Amino acid sequence: FGFAACTFLCFKSDSAHPYKAYSWVIFLWAAL
């Protein structure tokens, strides 16, 4: 979950993409 939260917020520094799909996939991965 640290990896998921940290990478998602770092990616969000790129304002050209919303990264919604990434957030769903990476947090689902962390949960599994």
Full PDB file with SEQRES, HELIX, SHEET, SSBOND, CRYST1, ORIGX, SCALE, CONECT and MASTER records, all heavy atoms in Angstrom:
SEQRES   1 A   32  PHE GLY PHE ALA ALA CYS THR PHE LEU CYS PHE LYS SER          
SEQRES   2 A   32  ASP SER ALA HIS PRO TYR LYS ALA TYR SER TRP VAL ILE          
SEQRES   3 A   32  PHE LEU TRP ALA ALA LEU                                      
HELIX    1 AA1 GLY A    2  PHE A   11  1                                  10    
HELIX    2 AA2 LYS A   20  ALA A   31  1                                  12    
CRYST1    1.000    1.000    1.000  90.00  90.00  90.00 P 1           1          
ORIGX1      1.000000  0.000000  0.000000        0.00000                         
ORIGX2      0.000000  1.000000  0.000000        0.00000                         
ORIGX3      0.000000  0.000000  1.000000        0.00000                         
SCALE1      1.000000  0.000000  0.000000        0.00000                         
SCALE2      0.000000  1.000000  0.000000        0.00000                         
SCALE3      0.000000  0.000000  1.000000        0.00000                         
ATOM      1  N   PHE A   1       0.820  -1.207   0.000  1.00  0.00           N  
ATOM      2  CA  PHE A   1       0.000   0.000   0.000  1.00  0.00           C  
ATOM      3  C   PHE A   1       0.856   1.261   0.000  1.00  0.00           C  
ATOM      4  O   PHE A   1       0.450   2.292  -0.566  1.00  0.00           O  
ATOM      5  CB  PHE A   1      -0.969  -0.011   1.179  1.00  0.00           C  
ATOM      6  CG  PHE A   1      -2.227  -0.761   0.883  1.00  0.00           C  
ATOM      7  CD1 PHE A   1      -2.364  -2.092   1.249  1.00  0.00           C  
ATOM      8  CD2 PHE A   1      -3.281  -0.153   0.213  1.00  0.00           C  
ATOM      9  CE1 PHE A   1      -3.524  -2.802   0.961  1.00  0.00           C  
ATOM     10  CE2 PHE A   1      -4.448  -0.847  -0.084  1.00  0.00           C  
ATOM     11  CZ  PHE A   1      -4.570  -2.178   0.296  1.00  0.00           C  
ATOM     12  N   GLY A   2       2.037   1.213   0.614  1.00  0.00           N  
ATOM     13  CA  GLY A   2       2.956   2.341   0.527  1.00  0.00           C  
ATOM     14  C   GLY A   2       3.390   2.579  -0.907  1.00  0.00           C  
ATOM     15  O   GLY A   2       3.406   3.723  -1.396  1.00  0.00           O  
ATOM     16  N   PHE A   3       3.734   1.500  -1.608  1.00  0.00           N  
ATOM     17  CA  PHE A   3       4.122   1.595  -3.014  1.00  0.00           C  
ATOM     18  C   PHE A   3       2.971   2.138  -3.855  1.00  0.00           C  
ATOM     19  O   PHE A   3       3.164   3.019  -4.699  1.00  0.00           O  
ATOM     20  CB  PHE A   3       4.541   0.210  -3.522  1.00  0.00           C  
ATOM     21  CG  PHE A   3       4.963   0.178  -4.962  1.00  0.00           C  
ATOM     22  CD1 PHE A   3       6.258   0.525  -5.326  1.00  0.00           C  
ATOM     23  CD2 PHE A   3       4.073  -0.208  -5.948  1.00  0.00           C  
ATOM     24  CE1 PHE A   3       6.654   0.502  -6.658  1.00  0.00           C  
ATOM     25  CE2 PHE A   3       4.453  -0.236  -7.280  1.00  0.00           C  
ATOM     26  CZ  PHE A   3       5.748   0.112  -7.640  1.00  0.00           C  
ATOM     27  N   ALA A   4       1.766   1.622  -3.624  1.00  0.00           N  
ATOM     28  CA  ALA A   4       0.603   2.061  -4.389  1.00  0.00           C  
ATOM     29  C   ALA A   4       0.330   3.553  -4.191  1.00  0.00           C  
ATOM     30  O   ALA A   4       0.163   4.304  -5.165  1.00  0.00           O  
ATOM     31  CB  ALA A   4      -0.625   1.240  -3.988  1.00  0.00           C  
ATOM     32  N   ALA A   5       0.295   4.002  -2.934  1.00  0.00           N  
ATOM     33  CA  ALA A   5      -0.010   5.404  -2.645  1.00  0.00           C  
ATOM     34  C   ALA A   5       1.089   6.325  -3.160  1.00  0.00           C  
ATOM     35  O   ALA A   5       0.810   7.375  -3.765  1.00  0.00           O  
ATOM     36  CB  ALA A   5      -0.198   5.595  -1.142  1.00  0.00           C  
ATOM     37  N   CYS A   6       2.335   5.936  -2.938  1.00  0.00           N  
ATOM     38  CA  CYS A   6       3.462   6.792  -3.322  1.00  0.00           C  
ATOM     39  C   CYS A   6       3.571   6.916  -4.834  1.00  0.00           C  
ATOM     40  O   CYS A   6       3.738   8.018  -5.371  1.00  0.00           O  
ATOM     41  CB  CYS A   6       4.753   6.223  -2.726  1.00  0.00           C  
ATOM     42  SG  CYS A   6       6.110   7.403  -2.660  1.00  0.00           S  
ATOM     43  N   THR A   7       3.469   5.799  -5.546  1.00  0.00           N  
ATOM     44  CA  THR A   7       3.589   5.868  -7.006  1.00  0.00           C  
ATOM     45  C   THR A   7       2.415   6.620  -7.626  1.00  0.00           C  
ATOM     46  O   THR A   7       2.602   7.420  -8.547  1.00  0.00           O  
ATOM     47  CB  THR A   7       3.684   4.458  -7.627  1.00  0.00           C  
ATOM     48  OG1 THR A   7       2.560   3.666  -7.220  1.00  0.00           O  
ATOM     49  CG2 THR A   7       4.962   3.759  -7.202  1.00  0.00           C  
ATOM     50  N   PHE A   8       1.210   6.377  -7.120  1.00  0.00           N  
ATOM     51  CA  PHE A   8       0.045   7.064  -7.676  1.00  0.00           C  
ATOM     52  C   PHE A   8       0.175   8.575  -7.535  1.00  0.00           C  
ATOM     53  O   PHE A   8      -0.042   9.327  -8.495  1.00  0.00           O  
ATOM     54  CB  PHE A   8      -1.233   6.575  -7.002  1.00  0.00           C  
ATOM     55  CG  PHE A   8      -2.453   7.356  -7.396  1.00  0.00           C  
ATOM     56  CD1 PHE A   8      -2.902   7.346  -8.710  1.00  0.00           C  
ATOM     57  CD2 PHE A   8      -3.142   8.108  -6.464  1.00  0.00           C  
ATOM     58  CE1 PHE A   8      -4.026   8.075  -9.080  1.00  0.00           C  
ATOM     59  CE2 PHE A   8      -4.266   8.831  -6.834  1.00  0.00           C  
ATOM     60  CZ  PHE A   8      -4.710   8.823  -8.143  1.00  0.00           C  
ATOM     61  N   LEU A   9       0.565   9.039  -6.352  1.00  0.00           N  
ATOM     62  CA  LEU A   9       0.689  10.482  -6.141  1.00  0.00           C  
ATOM     63  C   LEU A   9       1.852  11.076  -6.926  1.00  0.00           C  
ATOM     64  O   LEU A   9       1.779  12.223  -7.387  1.00  0.00           O  
ATOM     65  CB  LEU A   9       0.841  10.779  -4.648  1.00  0.00           C  
ATOM     66  CG  LEU A   9      -0.430  10.598  -3.821  1.00  0.00           C  
ATOM     67  CD1 LEU A   9      -0.147  10.800  -2.340  1.00  0.00           C  
ATOM     68  CD2 LEU A   9      -1.527  11.554  -4.285  1.00  0.00           C  
ATOM     69  N   CYS A  10       2.924  10.307  -7.100  1.00  0.00           N  
ATOM     70  CA  CYS A  10       4.028  10.797  -7.933  1.00  0.00           C  
ATOM     71  C   CYS A  10       3.592  10.910  -9.391  1.00  0.00           C  
ATOM     72  O   CYS A  10       3.896  11.897 -10.067  1.00  0.00           O  
ATOM     73  CB  CYS A  10       5.242   9.886  -7.799  1.00  0.00           C  
ATOM     74  SG  CYS A  10       6.150  10.079  -6.245  1.00  0.00           S  
ATOM     75  N   PHE A  11       2.884   9.909  -9.888  1.00  0.00           N  
ATOM     76  CA  PHE A  11       2.365   9.981 -11.254  1.00  0.00           C  
ATOM     77  C   PHE A  11       1.430  11.173 -11.439  1.00  0.00           C  
ATOM     78  O   PHE A  11       1.376  11.778 -12.513  1.00  0.00           O  
ATOM     79  CB  PHE A  11       1.617   8.694 -11.614  1.00  0.00           C  
ATOM     80  CG  PHE A  11       2.479   7.612 -12.187  1.00  0.00           C  
ATOM     81  CD1 PHE A  11       2.508   6.353 -11.598  1.00  0.00           C  
ATOM     82  CD2 PHE A  11       3.252   7.834 -13.316  1.00  0.00           C  
ATOM     83  CE1 PHE A  11       3.295   5.334 -12.129  1.00  0.00           C  
ATOM     84  CE2 PHE A  11       4.050   6.834 -13.858  1.00  0.00           C  
ATOM     85  CZ  PHE A  11       4.073   5.576 -13.270  1.00  0.00           C  
ATOM     86  N   LYS A  12       0.680  11.528 -10.391  1.00  0.00           N  
ATOM     87  CA  LYS A  12      -0.273  12.637 -10.493  1.00  0.00           C  
ATOM     88  C   LYS A  12       0.421  13.979 -10.710  1.00  0.00           C  
ATOM     89  O   LYS A  12      -0.243  14.974 -11.039  1.00  0.00           O  
ATOM     90  CB  LYS A  12      -1.139  12.696  -9.235  1.00  0.00           C  
ATOM     91  CG  LYS A  12      -2.139  11.552  -9.106  1.00  0.00           C  
ATOM     92  CD  LYS A  12      -3.265  11.640 -10.103  1.00  0.00           C  
ATOM     93  CE  LYS A  12      -4.275  12.689  -9.693  1.00  0.00           C  
ATOM     94  NZ  LYS A  12      -5.423  12.726 -10.641  1.00  0.00           N  
ATOM     95  N   SER A  13       1.747  14.020 -10.555  1.00  0.00           N  
ATOM     96  CA  SER A  13       2.484  15.241 -10.883  1.00  0.00           C  
ATOM     97  C   SER A  13       2.480  15.500 -12.380  1.00  0.00           C  
ATOM     98  O   SER A  13       2.763  16.610 -12.824  1.00  0.00           O  
ATOM     99  CB  SER A  13       3.937  15.145 -10.382  1.00  0.00           C  
ATOM    100  OG  SER A  13       3.967  15.112  -8.975  1.00  0.00           O  
ATOM    101  N   ASP A  14       2.181  14.482 -13.153  1.00  0.00           N  
ATOM    102  CA  ASP A  14       1.994  14.614 -14.593  1.00  0.00           C  
ATOM    103  C   ASP A  14       0.531  14.957 -14.844  1.00  0.00           C  
ATOM    104  O   ASP A  14      -0.336  14.082 -14.825  1.00  0.00           O  
ATOM    105  CB  ASP A  14       2.378  13.296 -15.281  1.00  0.00           C  
ATOM    106  CG  ASP A  14       1.998  13.276 -16.746  1.00  0.00           C  
ATOM    107  OD1 ASP A  14       1.887  14.363 -17.352  1.00  0.00           O  
ATOM    108  OD2 ASP A  14       1.809  12.166 -17.286  1.00  0.00           O  
ATOM    109  N   SER A  15       0.249  16.220 -15.067  1.00  0.00           N  
ATOM    110  CA  SER A  15      -1.133  16.680 -15.199  1.00  0.00           C  
ATOM    111  C   SER A  15      -1.774  16.318 -16.541  1.00  0.00           C  
ATOM    112  O   SER A  15      -2.972  16.533 -16.737  1.00  0.00           O  
ATOM    113  CB  SER A  15      -1.201  18.199 -15.000  1.00  0.00           C  
ATOM    114  OG  SER A  15      -0.355  18.841 -15.945  1.00  0.00           O  
ATOM    115  N   ALA A  16      -0.985  15.727 -17.442  1.00  0.00           N  
ATOM    116  CA  ALA A  16      -1.521  15.376 -18.762  1.00  0.00           C  
ATOM    117  C   ALA A  16      -2.404  14.134 -18.718  1.00  0.00           C  
ATOM    118  O   ALA A  16      -3.174  13.883 -19.640  1.00  0.00           O  
ATOM    119  CB  ALA A  16      -0.375  15.167 -19.755  1.00  0.00           C  
ATOM    120  N   HIS A  17      -2.300  13.351 -17.653  1.00  0.00           N  
ATOM    121  CA  HIS A  17      -3.061  12.108 -17.543  1.00  0.00           C  
ATOM    122  C   HIS A  17      -3.713  12.021 -16.164  1.00  0.00           C  
ATOM    123  O   HIS A  17      -3.098  12.395 -15.162  1.00  0.00           O  
ATOM    124  CB  HIS A  17      -2.156  10.896 -17.751  1.00  0.00           C  
ATOM    125  CG  HIS A  17      -1.483  10.886 -19.091  1.00  0.00           C  
ATOM    126  ND1 HIS A  17      -2.101  10.438 -20.236  1.00  0.00           N  
ATOM    127  CD2 HIS A  17      -0.248  11.301 -19.470  1.00  0.00           C  
ATOM    128  CE1 HIS A  17      -1.269  10.561 -21.257  1.00  0.00           C  
ATOM    129  NE2 HIS A  17      -0.144  11.085 -20.824  1.00  0.00           N  
ATOM    130  N   PRO A  18      -4.930  11.474 -16.076  1.00  0.00           N  
ATOM    131  CA  PRO A  18      -5.596  11.358 -14.768  1.00  0.00           C  
ATOM    132  C   PRO A  18      -5.117  10.163 -13.946  1.00  0.00           C  
ATOM    133  O   PRO A  18      -5.274  10.140 -12.728  1.00  0.00           O  
ATOM    134  CB  PRO A  18      -7.075  11.204 -15.136  1.00  0.00           C  
ATOM    135  CG  PRO A  18      -7.053  10.589 -16.500  1.00  0.00           C  
ATOM    136  CD  PRO A  18      -5.833  11.145 -17.192  1.00  0.00           C  
ATOM    137  N   TYR A  19      -4.611   9.115 -14.613  1.00  0.00           N  
ATOM    138  CA  TYR A  19      -4.102   7.906 -13.952  1.00  0.00           C  
ATOM    139  C   TYR A  19      -5.172   7.187 -13.132  1.00  0.00           C  
ATOM    140  O   TYR A  19      -4.872   6.526 -12.139  1.00  0.00           O  
ATOM    141  CB  TYR A  19      -2.875   8.219 -13.082  1.00  0.00           C  
ATOM    142  CG  TYR A  19      -1.691   8.649 -13.907  1.00  0.00           C  
ATOM    143  CD1 TYR A  19      -1.369   9.999 -14.050  1.00  0.00           C  
ATOM    144  CD2 TYR A  19      -0.911   7.709 -14.569  1.00  0.00           C  
ATOM    145  CE1 TYR A  19      -0.299  10.403 -14.833  1.00  0.00           C  
ATOM    146  CE2 TYR A  19       0.165   8.097 -15.357  1.00  0.00           C  
ATOM    147  CZ  TYR A  19       0.463   9.456 -15.491  1.00  0.00           C  
ATOM    148  OH  TYR A  19       1.525   9.832 -16.280  1.00  0.00           O  
ATOM    149  N   LYS A  20      -6.434   7.308 -13.554  1.00  0.00           N  
ATOM    150  CA  LYS A  20      -7.507   6.606 -12.831  1.00  0.00           C  
ATOM    151  C   LYS A  20      -7.364   5.091 -12.952  1.00  0.00           C  
ATOM    152  O   LYS A  20      -7.539   4.364 -11.971  1.00  0.00           O  
ATOM    153  CB  LYS A  20      -8.870   7.051 -13.357  1.00  0.00           C  
ATOM    154  CG  LYS A  20      -9.269   8.463 -12.930  1.00  0.00           C  
ATOM    155  CD  LYS A  20     -10.665   8.806 -13.430  1.00  0.00           C  
ATOM    156  CE  LYS A  20     -11.058  10.209 -12.990  1.00  0.00           C  
ATOM    157  NZ  LYS A  20     -12.402  10.582 -13.502  1.00  0.00           N  
ATOM    158  N   ALA A  21      -7.061   4.623 -14.161  1.00  0.00           N  
ATOM    159  CA  ALA A  21      -6.901   3.177 -14.361  1.00  0.00           C  
ATOM    160  C   ALA A  21      -5.746   2.648 -13.520  1.00  0.00           C  
ATOM    161  O   ALA A  21      -5.846   1.581 -12.899  1.00  0.00           O  
ATOM    162  CB  ALA A  21      -6.676   2.860 -15.839  1.00  0.00           C  
ATOM    163  N   TYR A  22      -4.662   3.416 -13.475  1.00  0.00           N  
ATOM    164  CA  TYR A  22      -3.512   2.987 -12.673  1.00  0.00           C  
ATOM    165  C   TYR A  22      -3.893   2.883 -11.203  1.00  0.00           C  
ATOM    166  O   TYR A  22      -3.507   1.930 -10.517  1.00  0.00           O  
ATOM    167  CB  TYR A  22      -2.337   3.961 -12.842  1.00  0.00           C  
ATOM    168  CG  TYR A  22      -1.152   3.567 -11.991  1.00  0.00           C  
ATOM    169  CD1 TYR A  22      -0.299   2.547 -12.402  1.00  0.00           C  
ATOM    170  CD2 TYR A  22      -0.896   4.177 -10.766  1.00  0.00           C  
ATOM    171  CE1 TYR A  22       0.775   2.155 -11.628  1.00  0.00           C  
ATOM    172  CE2 TYR A  22       0.173   3.796  -9.981  1.00  0.00           C  
ATOM    173  CZ  TYR A  22       1.003   2.784 -10.409  1.00  0.00           C  
ATOM    174  OH  TYR A  22       2.061   2.386  -9.624  1.00  0.00           O  
ATOM    175  N   SER A  23      -4.666   3.860 -10.713  1.00  0.00           N  
ATOM    176  CA  SER A  23      -5.040   3.843  -9.291  1.00  0.00           C  
ATOM    177  C   SER A  23      -5.858   2.599  -8.959  1.00  0.00           C  
ATOM    178  O   SER A  23      -5.643   1.958  -7.933  1.00  0.00           O  
ATOM    179  CB  SER A  23      -5.804   5.108  -8.920  1.00  0.00           C  
ATOM    180  OG  SER A  23      -7.088   5.130  -9.512  1.00  0.00           O  
ATOM    181  N   TRP A  24      -6.823   2.238  -9.836  1.00  0.00           N  
ATOM    182  CA  TRP A  24      -7.626   1.041  -9.599  1.00  0.00           C  
ATOM    183  C   TRP A  24      -6.763  -0.215  -9.607  1.00  0.00           C  
ATOM    184  O   TRP A  24      -6.884  -1.066  -8.720  1.00  0.00           O  
ATOM    185  CB  TRP A  24      -8.717   0.914 -10.675  1.00  0.00           C  
ATOM    186  CG  TRP A  24      -9.891   1.800 -10.423  1.00  0.00           C  
ATOM    187  CD1 TRP A  24     -10.171   2.999 -11.018  1.00  0.00           C  
ATOM    188  CD2 TRP A  24     -10.949   1.584  -9.482  1.00  0.00           C  
ATOM    189  NE1 TRP A  24     -11.338   3.538 -10.522  1.00  0.00           N  
ATOM    190  CE2 TRP A  24     -11.841   2.693  -9.577  1.00  0.00           C  
ATOM    191  CE3 TRP A  24     -11.242   0.570  -8.577  1.00  0.00           C  
ATOM    192  CZ2 TRP A  24     -12.991   2.806  -8.804  1.00  0.00           C  
ATOM    193  CZ3 TRP A  24     -12.400   0.685  -7.810  1.00  0.00           C  
ATOM    194  CH2 TRP A  24     -13.247   1.784  -7.923  1.00  0.00           C  
ATOM    195  N   VAL A  25      -5.891  -0.322 -10.593  1.00  0.00           N  
ATOM    196  CA  VAL A  25      -5.069  -1.533 -10.734  1.00  0.00           C  
ATOM    197  C   VAL A  25      -4.084  -1.658  -9.584  1.00  0.00           C  
ATOM    198  O   VAL A  25      -3.950  -2.733  -8.979  1.00  0.00           O  
ATOM    199  CB  VAL A  25      -4.331  -1.522 -12.093  1.00  0.00           C  
ATOM    200  CG1 VAL A  25      -3.281  -2.637 -12.146  1.00  0.00           C  
ATOM    201  CG2 VAL A  25      -5.318  -1.674 -13.238  1.00  0.00           C  
ATOM    202  N   ILE A  26      -3.392  -0.577  -9.236  1.00  0.00           N  
ATOM    203  CA  ILE A  26      -2.316  -0.682  -8.249  1.00  0.00           C  
ATOM    204  C   ILE A  26      -2.877  -0.890  -6.836  1.00  0.00           C  
ATOM    205  O   ILE A  26      -2.287  -1.627  -6.026  1.00  0.00           O  
ATOM    206  CB  ILE A  26      -1.374   0.546  -8.309  1.00  0.00           C  
ATOM    207  CG1 ILE A  26      -0.013   0.197  -7.701  1.00  0.00           C  
ATOM    208  CG2 ILE A  26      -1.972   1.772  -7.648  1.00  0.00           C  
ATOM    209  CD1 ILE A  26       0.771  -0.854  -8.431  1.00  0.00           C  
ATOM    210  N   PHE A  27      -4.026  -0.307  -6.529  1.00  0.00           N  
ATOM    211  CA  PHE A  27      -4.605  -0.529  -5.204  1.00  0.00           C  
ATOM    212  C   PHE A  27      -5.278  -1.896  -5.105  1.00  0.00           C  
ATOM    213  O   PHE A  27      -5.278  -2.513  -4.032  1.00  0.00           O  
ATOM    214  CB  PHE A  27      -5.557   0.604  -4.817  1.00  0.00           C  
ATOM    215  CG  PHE A  27      -4.846   1.830  -4.320  1.00  0.00           C  
ATOM    216  CD1 PHE A  27      -4.658   2.929  -5.145  1.00  0.00           C  
ATOM    217  CD2 PHE A  27      -4.318   1.871  -3.041  1.00  0.00           C  
ATOM    218  CE1 PHE A  27      -3.974   4.058  -4.698  1.00  0.00           C  
ATOM    219  CE2 PHE A  27      -3.631   2.995  -2.571  1.00  0.00           C  
ATOM    220  CZ  PHE A  27      -3.456   4.090  -3.412  1.00  0.00           C  
ATOM    221  N   LEU A  28      -5.821  -2.391  -6.217  1.00  0.00           N  
ATOM    222  CA  LEU A  28      -6.328  -3.764  -6.231  1.00  0.00           C  
ATOM    223  C   LEU A  28      -5.179  -4.750  -6.035  1.00  0.00           C  
ATOM    224  O   LEU A  28      -5.298  -5.711  -5.274  1.00  0.00           O  
ATOM    225  CB  LEU A  28      -7.049  -4.047  -7.547  1.00  0.00           C  
ATOM    226  CG  LEU A  28      -7.549  -5.485  -7.737  1.00  0.00           C  
ATOM    227  CD1 LEU A  28      -8.553  -5.868  -6.653  1.00  0.00           C  
ATOM    228  CD2 LEU A  28      -8.153  -5.664  -9.131  1.00  0.00           C  
ATOM    229  N   TRP A  29      -4.067  -4.487  -6.712  1.00  0.00           N  
ATOM    230  CA  TRP A  29      -2.865  -5.320  -6.539  1.00  0.00           C  
ATOM    231  C   TRP A  29      -2.426  -5.326  -5.073  1.00  0.00           C  
ATOM    232  O   TRP A  29      -2.141  -6.392  -4.509  1.00  0.00           O  
ATOM    233  CB  TRP A  29      -1.748  -4.795  -7.441  1.00  0.00           C  
ATOM    234  CG  TRP A  29      -0.403  -5.347  -7.110  1.00  0.00           C  
ATOM    235  CD1 TRP A  29       0.108  -6.565  -7.482  1.00  0.00           C  
ATOM    236  CD2 TRP A  29       0.610  -4.711  -6.319  1.00  0.00           C  
ATOM    237  NE1 TRP A  29       1.375  -6.718  -6.973  1.00  0.00           N  
ATOM    238  CE2 TRP A  29       1.710  -5.608  -6.260  1.00  0.00           C  
ATOM    239  CE3 TRP A  29       0.711  -3.491  -5.664  1.00  0.00           C  
ATOM    240  CZ2 TRP A  29       2.886  -5.305  -5.563  1.00  0.00           C  
ATOM    241  CZ3 TRP A  29       1.878  -3.176  -4.976  1.00  0.00           C  
ATOM    242  CH2 TRP A  29       2.938  -4.079  -4.927  1.00  0.00           C  
ATOM    243  N   ALA A  30      -2.371  -4.147  -4.460  1.00  0.00           N  
ATOM    244  CA  ALA A  30      -1.950  -4.044  -3.060  1.00  0.00           C  
ATOM    245  C   ALA A  30      -2.897  -4.823  -2.151  1.00  0.00           C  
ATOM    246  O   ALA A  30      -2.461  -5.498  -1.206  1.00  0.00           O  
ATOM    247  CB  ALA A  30      -1.884  -2.575  -2.631  1.00  0.00           C  
ATOM    248  N   ALA A  31      -4.199  -4.740  -2.430  1.00  0.00           N  
ATOM    249  CA  ALA A  31      -5.185  -5.474  -1.625  1.00  0.00           C  
ATOM    250  C   ALA A  31      -4.997  -6.982  -1.762  1.00  0.00           C  
ATOM    251  O   ALA A  31      -5.061  -7.723  -0.764  1.00  0.00           O  
ATOM    252  CB  ALA A  31      -6.597  -5.069  -2.032  1.00  0.00           C  
ATOM    253  N   LEU A  32      -4.754  -7.464  -2.978  1.00  0.00           N  
ATOM    254  CA  LEU A  32      -4.570  -8.900  -3.188  1.00  0.00           C  
ATOM    255  C   LEU A  32      -3.281  -9.400  -2.540  1.00  0.00           C  
ATOM    256  O   LEU A  32      -3.256 -10.490  -1.952  1.00  0.00           O  
ATOM    257  CB  LEU A  32      -4.579  -9.214  -4.681  1.00  0.00           C  
ATOM    258  CG  LEU A  32      -5.943  -9.109  -5.365  1.00  0.00           C  
ATOM    259  CD1 LEU A  32      -5.802  -9.217  -6.876  1.00  0.00           C  
ATOM    260  CD2 LEU A  32      -6.894 -10.181  -4.831  1.00  0.00           C  
TER     261      LEU A  32                                                      
MASTER        0    0    0    2    0    0    0    6  260    1    0    3          
END                                                                             
